N, C-alpha and C. Protein backbone atom coordinates (compact mmCIF):
# COMPACT_ATOMS: atom_id res chain seq x y z
N MET A 1 78.45 119.61 102.70
CA MET A 1 79.34 118.85 101.85
C MET A 1 80.37 119.81 101.26
N ASN A 2 81.62 119.47 101.35
CA ASN A 2 82.69 120.29 100.81
C ASN A 2 82.98 119.85 99.37
N GLU A 3 82.71 120.71 98.42
CA GLU A 3 82.84 120.36 97.00
C GLU A 3 84.29 120.12 96.58
N GLU A 4 85.24 120.87 97.16
CA GLU A 4 86.66 120.67 96.80
C GLU A 4 87.15 119.30 97.25
N THR A 5 86.81 118.93 98.48
CA THR A 5 87.20 117.61 98.99
C THR A 5 86.52 116.51 98.18
N LEU A 6 85.26 116.68 97.87
CA LEU A 6 84.54 115.71 97.06
C LEU A 6 85.19 115.56 95.68
N ALA A 7 85.63 116.66 95.08
CA ALA A 7 86.28 116.61 93.77
C ALA A 7 87.60 115.82 93.84
N VAL A 8 88.37 116.01 94.92
CA VAL A 8 89.62 115.25 95.09
C VAL A 8 89.32 113.76 95.19
N LEU A 9 88.33 113.39 96.00
CA LEU A 9 87.99 111.97 96.15
C LEU A 9 87.46 111.38 94.85
N THR A 10 86.69 112.14 94.11
CA THR A 10 86.17 111.65 92.83
C THR A 10 87.32 111.37 91.87
N ARG A 11 88.29 112.28 91.78
CA ARG A 11 89.45 112.05 90.91
C ARG A 11 90.28 110.85 91.39
N PHE A 12 90.43 110.72 92.70
CA PHE A 12 91.17 109.61 93.28
C PHE A 12 90.48 108.27 92.95
N ASN A 13 89.17 108.22 93.15
CA ASN A 13 88.41 107.00 92.89
C ASN A 13 88.41 106.65 91.40
N ASP A 14 88.30 107.65 90.54
CA ASP A 14 88.36 107.40 89.10
C ASP A 14 89.72 106.81 88.72
N ALA A 15 90.78 107.35 89.31
CA ALA A 15 92.13 106.82 89.03
C ALA A 15 92.24 105.38 89.53
N PHE A 16 91.66 105.07 90.70
CA PHE A 16 91.66 103.69 91.19
C PHE A 16 91.03 102.76 90.17
N ASN A 17 89.86 103.11 89.68
CA ASN A 17 89.16 102.23 88.75
C ASN A 17 89.83 102.15 87.37
N ARG A 18 90.73 103.08 87.07
CA ARG A 18 91.57 102.98 85.86
C ARG A 18 92.85 102.22 86.14
N HIS A 19 93.07 101.88 87.41
CA HIS A 19 94.31 101.25 87.88
C HIS A 19 95.51 102.17 87.61
N ASP A 20 95.32 103.44 87.86
CA ASP A 20 96.30 104.48 87.59
C ASP A 20 96.93 104.91 88.91
N ALA A 21 97.96 104.18 89.35
CA ALA A 21 98.61 104.48 90.62
C ALA A 21 99.19 105.89 90.63
N ASP A 22 99.78 106.33 89.53
CA ASP A 22 100.36 107.67 89.51
C ASP A 22 99.28 108.75 89.57
N GLY A 23 98.13 108.50 88.96
CA GLY A 23 97.01 109.42 89.07
C GLY A 23 96.52 109.53 90.50
N MET A 24 96.49 108.41 91.20
CA MET A 24 96.10 108.42 92.61
C MET A 24 97.13 109.17 93.45
N MET A 25 98.41 108.89 93.20
CA MET A 25 99.46 109.48 94.00
C MET A 25 99.60 110.98 93.77
N ALA A 26 99.16 111.47 92.61
CA ALA A 26 99.18 112.91 92.36
C ALA A 26 98.24 113.64 93.33
N LEU A 27 97.33 112.89 93.95
CA LEU A 27 96.36 113.47 94.87
C LEU A 27 96.70 113.19 96.33
N MET A 28 97.86 112.58 96.57
CA MET A 28 98.28 112.25 97.94
C MET A 28 99.51 113.08 98.32
N SER A 29 99.58 113.44 99.58
CA SER A 29 100.70 114.24 100.08
C SER A 29 101.97 113.40 100.19
N ASN A 30 103.11 114.06 100.30
CA ASN A 30 104.38 113.35 100.46
C ASN A 30 104.43 112.54 101.74
N ASP A 31 103.75 113.00 102.78
CA ASP A 31 103.76 112.31 104.07
C ASP A 31 102.50 111.48 104.30
N CYS A 32 101.89 111.02 103.21
CA CYS A 32 100.62 110.29 103.30
C CYS A 32 100.77 108.96 104.04
N VAL A 33 99.63 108.51 104.54
CA VAL A 33 99.52 107.23 105.24
C VAL A 33 98.34 106.49 104.63
N PHE A 34 98.54 105.18 104.38
CA PHE A 34 97.45 104.32 103.92
C PHE A 34 97.43 103.09 104.79
N GLU A 35 96.25 102.78 105.35
CA GLU A 35 96.06 101.54 106.10
C GLU A 35 95.15 100.64 105.28
N ASN A 36 95.70 99.53 104.84
CA ASN A 36 94.99 98.55 104.03
C ASN A 36 94.04 97.72 104.90
N THR A 37 93.11 97.06 104.29
CA THR A 37 92.19 96.19 105.01
C THR A 37 92.80 94.83 105.32
N TYR A 38 93.90 94.50 104.70
CA TYR A 38 94.51 93.17 104.82
C TYR A 38 95.91 93.30 105.38
N PRO A 39 96.36 92.39 106.18
CA PRO A 39 95.69 91.21 106.71
C PRO A 39 94.87 91.56 107.96
N PRO A 40 93.79 90.78 108.17
CA PRO A 40 93.00 91.00 109.37
C PRO A 40 93.83 90.67 110.61
N PRO A 41 93.53 91.22 111.74
CA PRO A 41 92.40 92.09 111.98
C PRO A 41 92.70 93.57 111.76
N ASP A 42 93.97 93.96 111.68
CA ASP A 42 94.30 95.39 111.68
C ASP A 42 94.74 95.94 110.34
N GLY A 43 95.08 95.10 109.39
CA GLY A 43 95.57 95.59 108.11
C GLY A 43 97.02 96.04 108.20
N GLU A 44 97.60 96.29 107.05
CA GLU A 44 98.99 96.75 106.98
C GLU A 44 99.01 98.26 106.77
N ARG A 45 99.97 98.93 107.39
CA ARG A 45 100.10 100.38 107.33
C ARG A 45 101.28 100.74 106.44
N PHE A 46 101.07 101.66 105.51
CA PHE A 46 102.11 102.16 104.62
C PHE A 46 102.27 103.65 104.87
N GLU A 47 103.49 104.09 105.08
CA GLU A 47 103.76 105.49 105.41
C GLU A 47 104.70 106.10 104.39
N GLY A 48 104.32 107.27 103.88
CA GLY A 48 105.14 108.00 102.93
C GLY A 48 104.73 107.71 101.50
N TRP A 49 104.93 108.70 100.65
CA TRP A 49 104.51 108.67 99.25
C TRP A 49 105.05 107.44 98.52
N SER A 50 106.34 107.16 98.67
CA SER A 50 106.94 106.03 97.93
C SER A 50 106.37 104.69 98.36
N ALA A 51 106.19 104.50 99.66
CA ALA A 51 105.66 103.23 100.16
C ALA A 51 104.21 103.03 99.70
N VAL A 52 103.41 104.09 99.76
CA VAL A 52 102.01 103.98 99.34
C VAL A 52 101.94 103.73 97.84
N ARG A 53 102.75 104.44 97.06
CA ARG A 53 102.77 104.23 95.60
C ARG A 53 103.15 102.79 95.28
N GLN A 54 104.16 102.25 95.94
CA GLN A 54 104.57 100.87 95.67
C GLN A 54 103.47 99.88 96.01
N PHE A 55 102.73 100.14 97.09
CA PHE A 55 101.59 99.29 97.41
C PHE A 55 100.62 99.25 96.24
N TRP A 56 100.24 100.44 95.72
CA TRP A 56 99.24 100.48 94.64
C TRP A 56 99.77 99.82 93.37
N LEU A 57 101.04 100.01 93.05
CA LEU A 57 101.60 99.34 91.87
C LEU A 57 101.50 97.83 92.02
N ASN A 58 101.88 97.31 93.17
CA ASN A 58 101.79 95.86 93.42
C ASN A 58 100.35 95.38 93.42
N PHE A 59 99.47 96.14 94.05
CA PHE A 59 98.06 95.77 94.13
C PHE A 59 97.45 95.63 92.74
N PHE A 60 97.66 96.61 91.88
CA PHE A 60 97.07 96.55 90.54
C PHE A 60 97.69 95.45 89.69
N GLN A 61 98.95 95.16 89.93
CA GLN A 61 99.60 94.05 89.21
C GLN A 61 98.95 92.72 89.60
N GLN A 62 98.64 92.57 90.88
CA GLN A 62 98.07 91.32 91.39
C GLN A 62 96.55 91.26 91.26
N SER A 63 95.89 92.39 91.13
CA SER A 63 94.42 92.46 91.12
C SER A 63 93.95 93.19 89.87
N GLN A 64 94.16 92.57 88.73
CA GLN A 64 93.93 93.26 87.46
C GLN A 64 92.46 93.52 87.15
N ASN A 65 91.55 92.90 87.90
CA ASN A 65 90.12 93.15 87.70
C ASN A 65 89.49 93.91 88.84
N ALA A 66 90.32 94.54 89.68
CA ALA A 66 89.81 95.27 90.85
C ALA A 66 88.93 96.43 90.43
N ARG A 67 87.83 96.62 91.16
CA ARG A 67 86.93 97.74 90.89
C ARG A 67 86.22 98.14 92.18
N LEU A 68 86.05 99.45 92.35
CA LEU A 68 85.27 99.98 93.46
C LEU A 68 84.01 100.65 92.92
N ASP A 69 82.88 100.33 93.52
CA ASP A 69 81.62 101.04 93.25
C ASP A 69 81.23 101.72 94.55
N PHE A 70 80.83 102.97 94.47
CA PHE A 70 80.63 103.79 95.65
C PHE A 70 79.15 103.91 95.99
N GLU A 71 78.84 103.62 97.25
CA GLU A 71 77.47 103.70 97.75
C GLU A 71 77.17 105.08 98.32
N GLU A 72 78.19 105.72 98.90
CA GLU A 72 77.98 107.03 99.51
C GLU A 72 79.34 107.67 99.74
N ILE A 73 79.42 108.97 99.49
CA ILE A 73 80.62 109.75 99.80
C ILE A 73 80.15 111.01 100.53
N VAL A 74 80.77 111.28 101.67
CA VAL A 74 80.46 112.47 102.45
C VAL A 74 81.78 113.19 102.73
N ALA A 75 81.82 114.49 102.47
CA ALA A 75 83.05 115.26 102.63
C ALA A 75 82.79 116.51 103.46
N PHE A 76 83.64 116.74 104.44
CA PHE A 76 83.58 117.92 105.32
C PHE A 76 84.98 118.50 105.43
N ASP A 77 85.21 119.64 104.82
CA ASP A 77 86.50 120.32 104.94
C ASP A 77 87.66 119.35 104.71
N GLU A 78 88.36 118.99 105.79
CA GLU A 78 89.53 118.11 105.67
C GLU A 78 89.23 116.66 106.03
N ARG A 79 87.97 116.32 106.23
CA ARG A 79 87.59 114.95 106.56
C ARG A 79 86.55 114.46 105.57
N ALA A 80 86.60 113.16 105.28
CA ALA A 80 85.62 112.56 104.37
C ALA A 80 85.54 111.07 104.66
N PHE A 81 84.41 110.49 104.27
CA PHE A 81 84.31 109.04 104.30
C PHE A 81 83.53 108.58 103.08
N GLN A 82 83.77 107.34 102.70
CA GLN A 82 83.02 106.76 101.60
C GLN A 82 82.76 105.28 101.88
N ARG A 83 81.53 104.87 101.53
CA ARG A 83 81.16 103.45 101.59
C ARG A 83 81.27 102.90 100.19
N TRP A 84 81.79 101.68 100.07
CA TRP A 84 82.05 101.11 98.75
C TRP A 84 81.83 99.61 98.73
N VAL A 85 81.76 99.10 97.49
CA VAL A 85 81.79 97.67 97.23
C VAL A 85 83.01 97.42 96.36
N TYR A 86 83.92 96.59 96.86
CA TYR A 86 85.12 96.22 96.11
C TYR A 86 84.85 94.87 95.44
N SER A 87 85.01 94.82 94.12
CA SER A 87 84.76 93.59 93.34
C SER A 87 86.04 93.16 92.65
N TRP A 88 86.16 91.85 92.46
CA TRP A 88 87.33 91.29 91.78
C TRP A 88 86.95 90.00 91.09
N GLN A 89 87.87 89.53 90.28
CA GLN A 89 87.78 88.21 89.66
C GLN A 89 89.13 87.54 89.90
N ASP A 90 89.12 86.35 90.49
CA ASP A 90 90.40 85.70 90.79
C ASP A 90 90.94 84.96 89.56
N GLU A 91 92.08 84.32 89.73
CA GLU A 91 92.75 83.65 88.61
C GLU A 91 91.93 82.53 87.99
N SER A 92 91.04 81.92 88.78
CA SER A 92 90.20 80.83 88.26
C SER A 92 88.95 81.37 87.56
N GLY A 93 88.75 82.69 87.61
CA GLY A 93 87.57 83.28 86.98
C GLY A 93 86.41 83.51 87.93
N ALA A 94 86.56 83.10 89.19
CA ALA A 94 85.50 83.29 90.18
C ALA A 94 85.43 84.76 90.60
N HIS A 95 84.21 85.26 90.74
CA HIS A 95 83.99 86.65 91.15
C HIS A 95 83.76 86.71 92.65
N GLY A 96 84.16 87.84 93.23
CA GLY A 96 83.92 88.06 94.64
C GLY A 96 83.75 89.54 94.91
N HIS A 97 83.28 89.84 96.12
CA HIS A 97 83.17 91.24 96.53
C HIS A 97 83.16 91.33 98.05
N VAL A 98 83.52 92.51 98.55
CA VAL A 98 83.37 92.87 99.95
C VAL A 98 82.87 94.31 100.01
N ARG A 99 82.22 94.63 101.11
CA ARG A 99 81.77 96.01 101.33
C ARG A 99 82.67 96.62 102.40
N GLY A 100 82.91 97.92 102.27
CA GLY A 100 83.77 98.57 103.25
C GLY A 100 83.60 100.07 103.26
N VAL A 101 84.49 100.69 104.01
CA VAL A 101 84.47 102.14 104.17
C VAL A 101 85.90 102.66 104.23
N ASP A 102 86.11 103.84 103.70
CA ASP A 102 87.37 104.57 103.82
C ASP A 102 87.12 105.82 104.63
N ILE A 103 88.07 106.15 105.49
CA ILE A 103 88.06 107.41 106.22
C ILE A 103 89.28 108.19 105.76
N PHE A 104 89.05 109.41 105.30
CA PHE A 104 90.12 110.24 104.74
C PHE A 104 90.36 111.47 105.60
N ARG A 105 91.61 111.92 105.56
CA ARG A 105 91.99 113.25 106.06
C ARG A 105 92.75 113.92 104.93
N LEU A 106 92.41 115.17 104.65
CA LEU A 106 93.06 115.93 103.58
C LEU A 106 93.70 117.18 104.16
N ARG A 107 94.72 117.66 103.46
CA ARG A 107 95.39 118.90 103.82
C ARG A 107 95.83 119.59 102.53
N ASP A 108 95.47 120.84 102.37
CA ASP A 108 95.87 121.62 101.20
C ASP A 108 95.50 120.92 99.89
N GLY A 109 94.31 120.29 99.87
CA GLY A 109 93.82 119.67 98.66
C GLY A 109 94.44 118.32 98.32
N LYS A 110 95.20 117.75 99.25
CA LYS A 110 95.83 116.43 99.03
C LYS A 110 95.38 115.47 100.13
N ILE A 111 95.33 114.20 99.78
CA ILE A 111 94.99 113.16 100.75
C ILE A 111 96.21 112.89 101.62
N VAL A 112 96.04 113.04 102.92
CA VAL A 112 97.11 112.80 103.88
C VAL A 112 96.96 111.41 104.50
N GLU A 113 95.71 110.96 104.62
CA GLU A 113 95.45 109.70 105.30
C GLU A 113 94.25 109.02 104.65
N LYS A 114 94.41 107.72 104.38
CA LYS A 114 93.32 106.88 103.87
C LYS A 114 93.31 105.62 104.72
N LEU A 115 92.29 105.49 105.56
CA LEU A 115 92.16 104.33 106.44
C LEU A 115 91.00 103.50 105.93
N SER A 116 91.26 102.24 105.58
CA SER A 116 90.25 101.38 104.94
C SER A 116 89.83 100.25 105.89
N TYR A 117 88.52 99.97 105.88
CA TYR A 117 87.93 98.93 106.72
C TYR A 117 86.92 98.13 105.90
N VAL A 118 86.79 96.82 106.20
CA VAL A 118 85.82 95.99 105.49
C VAL A 118 84.87 95.30 106.47
N LYS A 119 83.70 94.92 105.94
CA LYS A 119 82.75 94.11 106.69
C LYS A 119 83.20 92.65 106.64
N GLY A 120 83.11 91.98 107.76
CA GLY A 120 83.40 90.55 107.79
C GLY A 120 84.82 90.25 107.73
């Protein structure tokens, strides 16, 4: 397990749960790529710091109760993956969740790639 990579992911995940897009983006490279889980089957791809940041700003605006709980995080040098449960509450007050996984690539202590997948 690579402690430096694990520390980057921990800070990134903590920023996600605070809905802190700028905190997340401070840990992503200028040429970062994010592949969202939606829409199925392939998700939407965002390329570059500005596009990824705008996604997170919009996401947190629309998903004000979003939360990730982590089941497992494994980090190896410039590669890592994490299993998670994403929970939300919709506008009617109904709760929901999905389970998924992220695959990361890092370079020089920054996240270069975050590819997200969900079950079902």
